[in-house]
């Protein structure tokens, strides 16, 4: 008797819902592309590269500047500059290694 009951056809309703779901997925995909949500991985890599470059340059320039100031006041030219430059490079590489390791 279940086949003779009046009402909407369940198969037709399923097809309409599936069609609506597919259109919704398509619209969400189009919106994600329009807003640039798909570029998140590229932006993260670009930011990481800029941070690594800033660490490297900052360590070298900062160490050289501090060494130059030490040489000017202490009269130890060029040893203060060289020592502080190498210390700045070591600190920069330590920071780069720390940045590149995944969080624990």
PDB file of N, CA and C in Angstrom:
ATOM      1  N   UNK A   1       0.782  -1.171   0.000  1.00  0.00           N
ATOM      2  CA  UNK A   1       0.000   0.000   0.000  1.00  0.00           C
ATOM      3  C   UNK A   1       0.845   1.265   0.000  1.00  0.00           C
ATOM      4  N   UNK A   2       2.130   1.131   0.318  1.00  0.00           N
ATOM      5  CA  UNK A   2       3.005   2.291   0.378  1.00  0.00           C
ATOM      6  C   UNK A   2       3.203   2.910  -0.995  1.00  0.00           C
ATOM      7  N   UNK A   3       3.127   2.135  -2.068  1.00  0.00           N
ATOM      8  CA  UNK A   3       3.333   2.655  -3.405  1.00  0.00           C
ATOM      9  C   UNK A   3       2.138   3.439  -3.936  1.00  0.00           C
ATOM     10  N   UNK A   4       0.976   3.306  -3.312  1.00  0.00           N
ATOM     11  CA  UNK A   4      -0.234   3.982  -3.786  1.00  0.00           C
ATOM     12  C   UNK A   4      -0.546   5.246  -3.011  1.00  0.00           C
ATOM     13  N   UNK A   5       0.322   5.691  -2.089  1.00  0.00           N
ATOM     14  CA  UNK A   5       0.051   6.865  -1.274  1.00  0.00           C
ATOM     15  C   UNK A   5       0.239   8.135  -2.097  1.00  0.00           C
ATOM     16  N   UNK A   6      -0.670   9.110  -1.898  1.00  0.00           N
ATOM     17  CA  UNK A   6      -0.519  10.375  -2.610  1.00  0.00           C
ATOM     18  C   UNK A   6       0.599  11.207  -1.986  1.00  0.00           C
ATOM     19  N   UNK A   7       1.166  12.134  -2.720  1.00  0.00           N
ATOM     20  CA  UNK A   7       2.201  13.028  -2.215  1.00  0.00           C
ATOM     21  C   UNK A   7       3.309  13.199  -3.232  1.00  0.00           C
ATOM     22  N   UNK A   8       4.312  14.006  -2.876  1.00  0.00           N
ATOM     23  CA  UNK A   8       5.412  14.259  -3.822  1.00  0.00           C
ATOM     24  C   UNK A   8       6.243  13.012  -4.056  1.00  0.00           C
ATOM     25  N   UNK A   9       6.793  12.925  -5.225  1.00  0.00           N
ATOM     26  CA  UNK A   9       7.652  11.811  -5.604  1.00  0.00           C
ATOM     27  C   UNK A   9       8.999  11.984  -4.902  1.00  0.00           C
ATOM     28  N   UNK A  10       9.433  11.067  -4.035  1.00  0.00           N
ATOM     29  CA  UNK A  10      10.692  11.248  -3.311  1.00  0.00           C
ATOM     30  C   UNK A  10      11.899  11.294  -4.238  1.00  0.00           C
ATOM     31  N   UNK A  11      11.866  10.628  -5.374  1.00  0.00           N
ATOM     32  CA  UNK A  11      13.002  10.660  -6.295  1.00  0.00           C
ATOM     33  C   UNK A  11      13.141  12.036  -6.929  1.00  0.00           C
ATOM     34  N   UNK A  12      12.027  12.674  -7.281  1.00  0.00           N
ATOM     35  CA  UNK A  12      12.089  14.012  -7.862  1.00  0.00           C
ATOM     36  C   UNK A  12      12.611  15.029  -6.868  1.00  0.00           C
ATOM     37  N   UNK A  13      12.230  14.891  -5.606  1.00  0.00           N
ATOM     38  CA  UNK A  13      12.693  15.808  -4.586  1.00  0.00           C
ATOM     39  C   UNK A  13      14.193  15.645  -4.360  1.00  0.00           C
ATOM     40  N   UNK A  14      14.675  14.414  -4.372  1.00  0.00           N
ATOM     41  CA  UNK A  14      16.102  14.149  -4.234  1.00  0.00           C
ATOM     42  C   UNK A  14      16.889  14.815  -5.359  1.00  0.00           C
ATOM     43  N   UNK A  15      16.426  14.734  -6.573  1.00  0.00           N
ATOM     44  CA  UNK A  15      17.116  15.329  -7.712  1.00  0.00           C
ATOM     45  C   UNK A  15      17.167  16.844  -7.571  1.00  0.00           C
ATOM     46  N   UNK A  16      16.096  17.445  -7.068  1.00  0.00           N
ATOM     47  CA  UNK A  16      16.100  18.895  -6.887  1.00  0.00           C
ATOM     48  C   UNK A  16      17.095  19.306  -5.810  1.00  0.00           C
ATOM     49  N   UNK A  17      17.148  18.546  -4.707  1.00  0.00           N
ATOM     50  CA  UNK A  17      18.097  18.853  -3.640  1.00  0.00           C
ATOM     51  C   UNK A  17      19.545  18.693  -4.109  1.00  0.00           C
ATOM     52  N   UNK A  18      19.800  17.656  -4.860  1.00  0.00           N
ATOM     53  CA  UNK A  18      21.150  17.445  -5.389  1.00  0.00           C
ATOM     54  C   UNK A  18      21.537  18.570  -6.336  1.00  0.00           C
ATOM     55  N   UNK A  19      20.601  18.996  -7.146  1.00  0.00           N
ATOM     56  CA  UNK A  19      20.866  20.100  -8.066  1.00  0.00           C
ATOM     57  C   UNK A  19      21.152  21.381  -7.289  1.00  0.00           C
ATOM     58  N   UNK A  20      20.376  21.622  -6.230  1.00  0.00           N
ATOM     59  CA  UNK A  20      20.592  22.809  -5.402  1.00  0.00           C
ATOM     60  C   UNK A  20      21.945  22.740  -4.701  1.00  0.00           C
ATOM     61  N   UNK A  21      22.298  21.570  -4.175  1.00  0.00           N
ATOM     62  CA  UNK A  21      23.607  21.403  -3.536  1.00  0.00           C
ATOM     63  C   UNK A  21      24.747  21.663  -4.520  1.00  0.00           C
ATOM     64  N   UNK A  22      24.613  21.166  -5.730  1.00  0.00           N
ATOM     65  CA  UNK A  22      25.656  21.365  -6.736  1.00  0.00           C
ATOM     66  C   UNK A  22      25.785  22.847  -7.089  1.00  0.00           C
ATOM     67  N   UNK A  23      24.669  23.533  -7.253  1.00  0.00           N
ATOM     68  CA  UNK A  23      24.720  24.964  -7.564  1.00  0.00           C
ATOM     69  C   UNK A  23      25.322  25.743  -6.410  1.00  0.00           C
ATOM     70  N   UNK A  24      25.008  25.345  -5.166  1.00  0.00           N
ATOM     71  CA  UNK A  24      25.592  26.005  -3.998  1.00  0.00           C
ATOM     72  C   UNK A  24      27.102  25.806  -3.947  1.00  0.00           C
ATOM     73  N   UNK A  25      27.580  24.588  -4.210  1.00  0.00           N
ATOM     74  CA  UNK A  25      29.029  24.333  -4.239  1.00  0.00           C
ATOM     75  C   UNK A  25      29.710  25.154  -5.332  1.00  0.00           C
ATOM     76  N   UNK A  26      29.083  25.234  -6.495  1.00  0.00           N
ATOM     77  CA  UNK A  26      29.646  26.030  -7.585  1.00  0.00           C
ATOM     78  C   UNK A  26      29.730  27.506  -7.205  1.00  0.00           C
ATOM     79  N   UNK A  27      28.678  28.012  -6.576  1.00  0.00           N
ATOM     80  CA  UNK A  27      28.667  29.420  -6.170  1.00  0.00           C
ATOM     81  C   UNK A  27      29.736  29.692  -5.115  1.00  0.00           C
ATOM     82  N   UNK A  28      29.912  28.769  -4.153  1.00  0.00           N
ATOM     83  CA  UNK A  28      30.944  28.940  -3.132  1.00  0.00           C
ATOM     84  C   UNK A  28      32.338  28.892  -3.742  1.00  0.00           C
ATOM     85  N   UNK A  29      32.535  28.012  -4.695  1.00  0.00           N
ATOM     86  CA  UNK A  29      33.824  27.922  -5.375  1.00  0.00           C
ATOM     87  C   UNK A  29      34.116  29.206  -6.147  1.00  0.00           C
ATOM     88  N   UNK A  30      33.126  29.724  -6.862  1.00  0.00           N
ATOM     89  CA  UNK A  30      33.305  30.973  -7.606  1.00  0.00           C
ATOM     90  C   UNK A  30      33.603  32.135  -6.674  1.00  0.00           C
ATOM     91  N   UNK A  31      32.921  32.181  -5.538  1.00  0.00           N
ATOM     92  CA  UNK A  31      33.152  33.254  -4.571  1.00  0.00           C
ATOM     93  C   UNK A  31      34.544  33.151  -3.962  1.00  0.00           C
ATOM     94  N   UNK A  32      34.994  31.940  -3.681  1.00  0.00           N
ATOM     95  CA  UNK A  32      36.341  31.760  -3.133  1.00  0.00           C
ATOM     96  C   UNK A  32      37.399  32.222  -4.127  1.00  0.00           C
ATOM     97  N   UNK A  33      37.194  31.938  -5.400  1.00  0.00           N
ATOM     98  CA  UNK A  33      38.152  32.396  -6.411  1.00  0.00           C
ATOM     99  C   UNK A  33      38.102  33.907  -6.562  1.00  0.00           C
ATOM    100  N   UNK A  34      36.908  34.477  -6.479  1.00  0.00           N
ATOM    101  CA  UNK A  34      36.761  35.919  -6.648  1.00  0.00           C
ATOM    102  C   UNK A  34      37.428  36.684  -5.512  1.00  0.00           C
ATOM    103  N   UNK A  35      37.301  36.181  -4.297  1.00  0.00           N
ATOM    104  CA  UNK A  35      37.871  36.878  -3.141  1.00  0.00           C
ATOM    105  C   UNK A  35      39.329  36.528  -2.906  1.00  0.00           C
ATOM    106  N   UNK A  36      39.863  35.546  -3.624  1.00  0.00           N
ATOM    107  CA  UNK A  36      41.275  35.199  -3.483  1.00  0.00           C
ATOM    108  C   UNK A  36      41.554  34.251  -2.353  1.00  0.00           C
ATOM    109  N   UNK A  37      40.561  33.502  -1.899  1.00  0.00           N
ATOM    110  CA  UNK A  37      40.771  32.554  -0.804  1.00  0.00           C
ATOM    111  C   UNK A  37      41.705  31.425  -1.223  1.00  0.00           C
ATOM    112  N   UNK A  38      41.848  31.155  -2.497  1.00  0.00           N
ATOM    113  CA  UNK A  38      42.706  30.082  -2.961  1.00  0.00           C
ATOM    114  C   UNK A  38      44.178  30.426  -2.930  1.00  0.00           C
ATOM    115  N   UNK A  39      44.522  31.698  -2.693  1.00  0.00           N
ATOM    116  CA  UNK A  39      45.912  32.133  -2.712  1.00  0.00           C
ATOM    117  C   UNK A  39      46.537  32.154  -1.328  1.00  0.00           C
ATOM    118  N   UNK A  40      45.884  31.590  -0.325  1.00  0.00           N
ATOM    119  CA  UNK A  40      46.385  31.664   1.046  1.00  0.00           C
ATOM    120  C   UNK A  40      47.757  30.995   1.176  1.00  0.00           C
ATOM    121  N   UNK A  41      47.975  29.851   0.535  1.00  0.00           N
ATOM    122  CA  UNK A  41      49.263  29.167   0.622  1.00  0.00           C
ATOM    123  C   UNK A  41      50.384  29.965  -0.020  1.00  0.00           C
ATOM    124  N   UNK A  42      50.106  30.610  -1.126  1.00  0.00           N
ATOM    125  CA  UNK A  42      51.104  31.433  -1.805  1.00  0.00           C
ATOM    126  C   UNK A  42      51.469  32.634  -0.956  1.00  0.00           C
ATOM    127  N   UNK A  43      50.477  33.275  -0.357  1.00  0.00           N
ATOM    128  CA  UNK A  43      50.743  34.438   0.483  1.00  0.00           C
ATOM    129  C   UNK A  43      51.555  34.052   1.708  1.00  0.00           C
ATOM    130  N   UNK A  44      51.284  32.899   2.287  1.00  0.00           N
ATOM    131  CA  UNK A  44      52.029  32.459   3.464  1.00  0.00           C
ATOM    132  C   UNK A  44      53.498  32.239   3.111  1.00  0.00           C
ATOM    133  N   UNK A  45      53.762  31.625   1.962  1.00  0.00           N
ATOM    134  CA  UNK A  45      55.145  31.421   1.536  1.00  0.00           C
ATOM    135  C   UNK A  45      55.862  32.731   1.248  1.00  0.00           C
ATOM    136  N   UNK A  46      55.138  33.664   0.665  1.00  0.00           N
ATOM    137  CA  UNK A  46      55.721  34.982   0.373  1.00  0.00           C
ATOM    138  C   UNK A  46      56.055  35.718   1.669  1.00  0.00           C
ATOM    139  N   UNK A  47      55.153  35.652   2.649  1.00  0.00           N
ATOM    140  CA  UNK A  47      55.412  36.300   3.943  1.00  0.00           C
ATOM    141  C   UNK A  47      56.595  35.649   4.652  1.00  0.00           C
ATOM    142  N   UNK A  48      56.687  34.319   4.585  1.00  0.00           N
ATOM    143  CA  UNK A  48      57.798  33.626   5.224  1.00  0.00           C
ATOM    144  C   UNK A  48      59.126  34.008   4.570  1.00  0.00           C
ATOM    145  N   UNK A  49      59.140  34.111   3.249  1.00  0.00           N
ATOM    146  CA  UNK A  49      60.353  34.527   2.547  1.00  0.00           C
ATOM    147  C   UNK A  49      60.776  35.936   2.923  1.00  0.00           C
ATOM    148  N   UNK A  50      59.806  36.838   3.033  1.00  0.00           N
ATOM    149  CA  UNK A  50      60.124  38.202   3.445  1.00  0.00           C
ATOM    150  C   UNK A  50      60.650  38.245   4.870  1.00  0.00           C
ATOM    151  N   UNK A  51      60.091  37.404   5.741  1.00  0.00           N
ATOM    152  CA  UNK A  51      60.559  37.384   7.121  1.00  0.00           C
ATOM    153  C   UNK A  51      61.983  36.855   7.209  1.00  0.00           C
ATOM    154  N   UNK A  52      62.290  35.812   6.432  1.00  0.00           N
ATOM    155  CA  UNK A  52      63.650  35.264   6.422  1.00  0.00           C
ATOM    156  C   UNK A  52      64.634  36.313   5.906  1.00  0.00           C
ATOM    157  N   UNK A  53      64.270  37.010   4.834  1.00  0.00           N
ATOM    158  CA  UNK A  53      65.141  38.057   4.293  1.00  0.00           C
ATOM    159  C   UNK A  53      65.361  39.173   5.307  1.00  0.00           C
ATOM    160  N   UNK A  54      64.289  39.576   5.997  1.00  0.00           N
ATOM    161  CA  UNK A  54      64.410  40.632   7.000  1.00  0.00           C
ATOM    162  C   UNK A  54      65.311  40.198   8.154  1.00  0.00           C
ATOM    163  N   UNK A  55      65.187  38.949   8.580  1.00  0.00           N
ATOM    164  CA  UNK A  55      66.051  38.450   9.661  1.00  0.00           C
ATOM    165  C   UNK A  55      67.515  38.467   9.234  1.00  0.00           C
ATOM    166  N   UNK A  56      67.772  38.009   8.019  1.00  0.00           N
ATOM    167  CA  UNK A  56      69.149  37.951   7.535  1.00  0.00           C
ATOM    168  C   UNK A  56      69.754  39.348   7.407  1.00  0.00           C
ATOM    169  N   UNK A  57      69.031  40.239   6.745  1.00  0.00           N
ATOM    170  CA  UNK A  57      69.552  41.596   6.575  1.00  0.00           C
ATOM    171  C   UNK A  57      69.637  42.333   7.900  1.00  0.00           C
ATOM    172  N   UNK A  58      68.624  42.160   8.754  1.00  0.00           N
ATOM    173  CA  UNK A  58      68.628  42.839  10.043  1.00  0.00           C
ATOM    174  C   UNK A  58      69.788  42.400  10.915  1.00  0.00           C
ATOM    175  N   UNK A  59      70.066  41.099  10.920  1.00  0.00           N
ATOM    176  CA  UNK A  59      71.187  40.608  11.721  1.00  0.00           C
ATOM    177  C   UNK A  59      72.519  41.135  11.226  1.00  0.00           C
ATOM    178  N   UNK A  60      72.705  41.124   9.928  1.00  0.00           N
ATOM    179  CA  UNK A  60      73.980  41.592   9.370  1.00  0.00           C
ATOM    180  C   UNK A  60      74.151  43.094   9.535  1.00  0.00           C
ATOM    181  N   UNK A  61      73.127  43.850   9.201  1.00  0.00           N
ATOM    182  CA  UNK A  61      73.226  45.315   9.289  1.00  0.00           C
ATOM    183  C   UNK A  61      73.314  45.755  10.749  1.00  0.00           C
ATOM    184  N   UNK A  62      72.493  45.123  11.612  1.00  0.00           N
ATOM    185  CA  UNK A  62      72.537  45.478  13.030  1.00  0.00           C
ATOM    186  C   UNK A  62      73.888  45.171  13.653  1.00  0.00           C
ATOM    187  N   UNK A  63      74.422  43.998  13.360  1.00  0.00           N
ATOM    188  CA  UNK A  63      75.739  43.647  13.894  1.00  0.00           C
ATOM    189  C   UNK A  63      76.836  44.570  13.387  1.00  0.00           C
ATOM    190  N   UNK A  64      76.798  44.899  12.103  1.00  0.00           N
ATOM    191  CA  UNK A  64      77.811  45.794  11.539  1.00  0.00           C
ATOM    192  C   UNK A  64      77.702  47.189  12.145  1.00  0.00           C
ATOM    193  N   UNK A  65      76.490  47.670  12.339  1.00  0.00           N
ATOM    194  CA  UNK A  65      76.299  49.000  12.909  1.00  0.00           C
ATOM    195  C   UNK A  65      76.795  49.058  14.355  1.00  0.00           C
ATOM    196  N   UNK A  66      76.446  48.058  15.145  1.00  0.00           N
ATOM    197  CA  UNK A  66      76.902  48.032  16.534  1.00  0.00           C
ATOM    198  C   UNK A  66      78.426  47.897  16.594  1.00  0.00           C
ATOM    199  N   UNK A  67      78.994  47.063  15.730  1.00  0.00           N
ATOM    200  CA  UNK A  67      80.453  46.924  15.686  1.00  0.00           C
ATOM    201  C   UNK A  67      81.142  48.212  15.273  1.00  0.00           C
ATOM    202  N   UNK A  68      80.565  48.935  14.329  1.00  0.00           N
ATOM    203  CA  UNK A  68      81.142  50.214  13.890  1.00  0.00           C
ATOM    204  C   UNK A  68      81.129  51.219  15.024  1.00  0.00           C
ATOM    205  N   UNK A  69      80.021  51.255  15.786  1.00  0.00           N
ATOM    206  CA  UNK A  69      79.935  52.181  16.919  1.00  0.00           C
ATOM    207  C   UNK A  69      80.968  51.806  17.979  1.00  0.00           C
ATOM    208  N   UNK A  70      81.117  50.530  18.247  1.00  0.00           N
ATOM    209  CA  UNK A  70      82.127  50.092  19.224  1.00  0.00           C
ATOM    210  C   UNK A  70      83.522  50.507  18.760  1.00  0.00           C
ATOM    211  N   UNK A  71      83.812  50.325  17.470  1.00  0.00           N
ATOM    212  CA  UNK A  71      85.119  50.712  16.936  1.00  0.00           C
ATOM    213  C   UNK A  71      85.355  52.212  17.060  1.00  0.00           C
ATOM    214  N   UNK A  72      84.332  53.015  16.830  1.00  0.00           N
ATOM    215  CA  UNK A  72      84.483  54.470  16.897  1.00  0.00           C
ATOM    216  C   UNK A  72      84.795  54.934  18.312  1.00  0.00           C
ATOM    217  N   UNK A  73      84.116  54.327  19.298  1.00  0.00           N
ATOM    218  CA  UNK A  73      84.312  54.771  20.674  1.00  0.00           C
ATOM    219  C   UNK A  73      85.502  54.099  21.344  1.00  0.00           C
ATOM    220  N   UNK A  74      85.792  52.864  21.018  1.00  0.00           N
ATOM    221  CA  UNK A  74      86.871  52.135  21.688  1.00  0.00           C
ATOM    222  C   UNK A  74      88.182  52.192  20.909  1.00  0.00           C
ATOM    223  N   UNK A  75      88.140  52.580  19.641  1.00  0.00           N
ATOM    224  CA  UNK A  75      89.351  52.655  18.835  1.00  0.00           C
ATOM    225  C   UNK A  75      89.926  51.290  18.500  1.00  0.00           C
ATOM    226  N   UNK A  76      89.096  50.302  18.323  1.00  0.00           N
ATOM    227  CA  UNK A  76      89.562  48.952  18.048  1.00  0.00           C
ATOM    228  C   UNK A  76      89.374  48.552  16.589  1.00  0.00           C
ATOM    229  N   UNK A  77      89.349  49.502  15.718  1.00  0.00           N
ATOM    230  CA  UNK A  77      89.046  49.266  14.308  1.00  0.00           C
ATOM    231  C   UNK A  77      89.990  48.232  13.714  1.00  0.00           C
ATOM    232  N   UNK A  78      89.573  47.305  12.949  1.00  0.00           N
ATOM    233  CA  UNK A  78      88.258  46.860  12.466  1.00  0.00           C
ATOM    234  C   UNK A  78      87.685  45.693  13.256  1.00  0.00           C
ATOM    235  N   UNK A  79      88.305  45.366  14.425  1.00  0.00           N
ATOM    236  CA  UNK A  79      87.941  44.136  15.120  1.00  0.00           C
ATOM    237  C   UNK A  79      86.532  44.163  15.699  1.00  0.00           C
ATOM    238  N   UNK A  80      86.110  45.262  16.227  1.00  0.00           N
ATOM    239  CA  UNK A  80      84.752  45.355  16.765  1.00  0.00           C
ATOM    240  C   UNK A  80      83.712  45.134  15.673  1.00  0.00           C
ATOM    241  N   UNK A  81      83.961  45.759  14.504  1.00  0.00           N
ATOM    242  CA  UNK A  81      83.045  45.605  13.370  1.00  0.00           C
ATOM    243  C   UNK A  81      82.991  44.156  12.911  1.00  0.00           C
ATOM    244  N   UNK A  82      84.142  43.519  12.763  1.00  0.00           N
ATOM    245  CA  UNK A  82      84.172  42.134  12.289  1.00  0.00           C
ATOM    246  C   UNK A  82      83.515  41.171  13.273  1.00  0.00           C
ATOM    247  N   UNK A  83      83.831  41.316  14.562  1.00  0.00           N
ATOM    248  CA  UNK A  83      83.270  40.414  15.573  1.00  0.00           C
ATOM    249  C   UNK A  83      81.753  40.582  15.633  1.00  0.00           C
ATOM    250  N   UNK A  84      81.277  41.801  15.682  1.00  0.00           N
ATOM    251  CA  UNK A  84      79.837  42.025  15.784  1.00  0.00           C
ATOM    252  C   UNK A  84      79.112  41.628  14.494  1.00  0.00           C
ATOM    253  N   UNK A  85      79.750  41.803  13.347  1.00  0.00           N
ATOM    254  CA  UNK A  85      79.147  41.364  12.089  1.00  0.00           C
ATOM    255  C   UNK A  85      78.967  39.847  12.088  1.00  0.00           C
ATOM    256  N   UNK A  86      79.990  39.115  12.515  1.00  0.00           N
ATOM    257  CA  UNK A  86      79.866  37.657  12.567  1.00  0.00           C
ATOM    258  C   UNK A  86      78.835  37.214  13.610  1.00  0.00           C
ATOM    259  N   UNK A  87      78.770  37.899  14.746  1.00  0.00           N
ATOM    260  CA  UNK A  87      77.745  37.581  15.732  1.00  0.00           C
ATOM    261  C   UNK A  87      76.346  37.859  15.180  1.00  0.00           C
ATOM    262  N   UNK A  88      76.204  38.947  14.433  1.00  0.00           N
ATOM    263  CA  UNK A  88      74.917  39.254  13.809  1.00  0.00           C
ATOM    264  C   UNK A  88      74.517  38.196  12.801  1.00  0.00           C
ATOM    265  N   UNK A  89      75.465  37.688  12.033  1.00  0.00           N
ATOM    266  CA  UNK A  89      75.176  36.628  11.054  1.00  0.00           C
ATOM    267  C   UNK A  89      74.771  35.343  11.771  1.00  0.00           C
ATOM    268  N   UNK A  90      75.464  35.009  12.855  1.00  0.00           N
ATOM    269  CA  UNK A  90      75.128  33.797  13.614  1.00  0.00           C
ATOM    270  C   UNK A  90      73.720  33.901  14.189  1.00  0.00           C
ATOM    271  N   UNK A  91      73.387  35.056  14.758  1.00  0.00           N
ATOM    272  CA  UNK A  91      72.044  35.249  15.320  1.00  0.00           C
ATOM    273  C   UNK A  91      70.993  35.185  14.215  1.00  0.00           C
ATOM    274  N   UNK A  92      71.283  35.765  13.056  1.00  0.00           N
ATOM    275  CA  UNK A  92      70.327  35.743  11.941  1.00  0.00           C
ATOM    276  C   UNK A  92      70.067  34.310  11.481  1.00  0.00           C
ATOM    277  N   UNK A  93      71.103  33.520  11.334  1.00  0.00           N
ATOM    278  CA  UNK A  93      70.910  32.130  10.914  1.00  0.00           C
ATOM    279  C   UNK A  93      70.186  31.313  11.975  1.00  0.00           C
ATOM    280  N   UNK A  94      70.462  31.584  13.254  1.00  0.00           N
ATOM    281  CA  UNK A  94      69.734  30.895  14.321  1.00  0.00           C
ATOM    282  C   UNK A  94      68.244  31.220  14.239  1.00  0.00           C
ATOM    283  N   UNK A  95      67.917  32.484  13.997  1.00  0.00           N
ATOM    284  CA  UNK A  95      66.512  32.878  13.868  1.00  0.00           C
ATOM    285  C   UNK A  95      65.863  32.256  12.632  1.00  0.00           C
ATOM    286  N   UNK A  96      66.592  32.172  11.535  1.00  0.00           N
ATOM    287  CA  UNK A  96      66.056  31.565  10.320  1.00  0.00           C
ATOM    288  C   UNK A  96      65.779  30.079  10.537  1.00  0.00           C
ATOM    289  N   UNK A  97      66.682  29.389  11.208  1.00  0.00           N
ATOM    290  CA  UNK A  97      66.467  27.972  11.507  1.00  0.00           C
ATOM    291  C   UNK A  97      65.259  27.818  12.430  1.00  0.00           C
ATOM    292  N   UNK A  98      65.126  28.696  13.412  1.00  0.00           N
ATOM    293  CA  UNK A  98      63.994  28.636  14.334  1.00  0.00           C
ATOM    294  C   UNK A  98      62.680  28.891  13.596  1.00  0.00           C
ATOM    295  N   UNK A  99      62.674  29.821  12.648  1.00  0.00           N
ATOM    296  CA  UNK A  99      61.465  30.120  11.864  1.00  0.00           C
ATOM    297  C   UNK A  99      61.089  28.928  10.988  1.00  0.00           C
ATOM    298  N   UNK A 100      62.074  28.264  10.417  1.00  0.00           N
ATOM    299  CA  UNK A 100      61.791  27.192   9.456  1.00  0.00           C
ATOM    300  C   UNK A 100      61.320  25.898  10.093  1.00  0.00           C
ATOM    301  N   UNK A 101      61.515  25.740  11.401  1.00  0.00           N
ATOM    302  CA  UNK A 101      61.077  24.515  12.063  1.00  0.00           C
ATOM    303  C   UNK A 101      59.600  24.616  12.421  1.00  0.00           C
ATOM    304  N   UNK A 102      58.859  23.514  12.256  1.00  0.00           N
ATOM    305  CA  UNK A 102      57.427  23.552  12.572  1.00  0.00           C
ATOM    306  C   UNK A 102      57.204  23.720  14.065  1.00  0.00           C
ATOM    307  N   UNK A 103      56.086  24.348  14.457  1.00  0.00           N
ATOM    308  CA  UNK A 103      55.818  24.518  15.899  1.00  0.00           C
ATOM    309  C   UNK A 103      55.554  23.179  16.580  1.00  0.00           C
ATOM    310  N   UNK A 104      55.907  23.102  17.840  1.00  0.00           N
ATOM    311  CA  UNK A 104      55.747  21.850  18.583  1.00  0.00           C
ATOM    312  C   UNK A 104      54.527  21.902  19.459  1.00  0.00           C
TER     313      UNK A 104
END
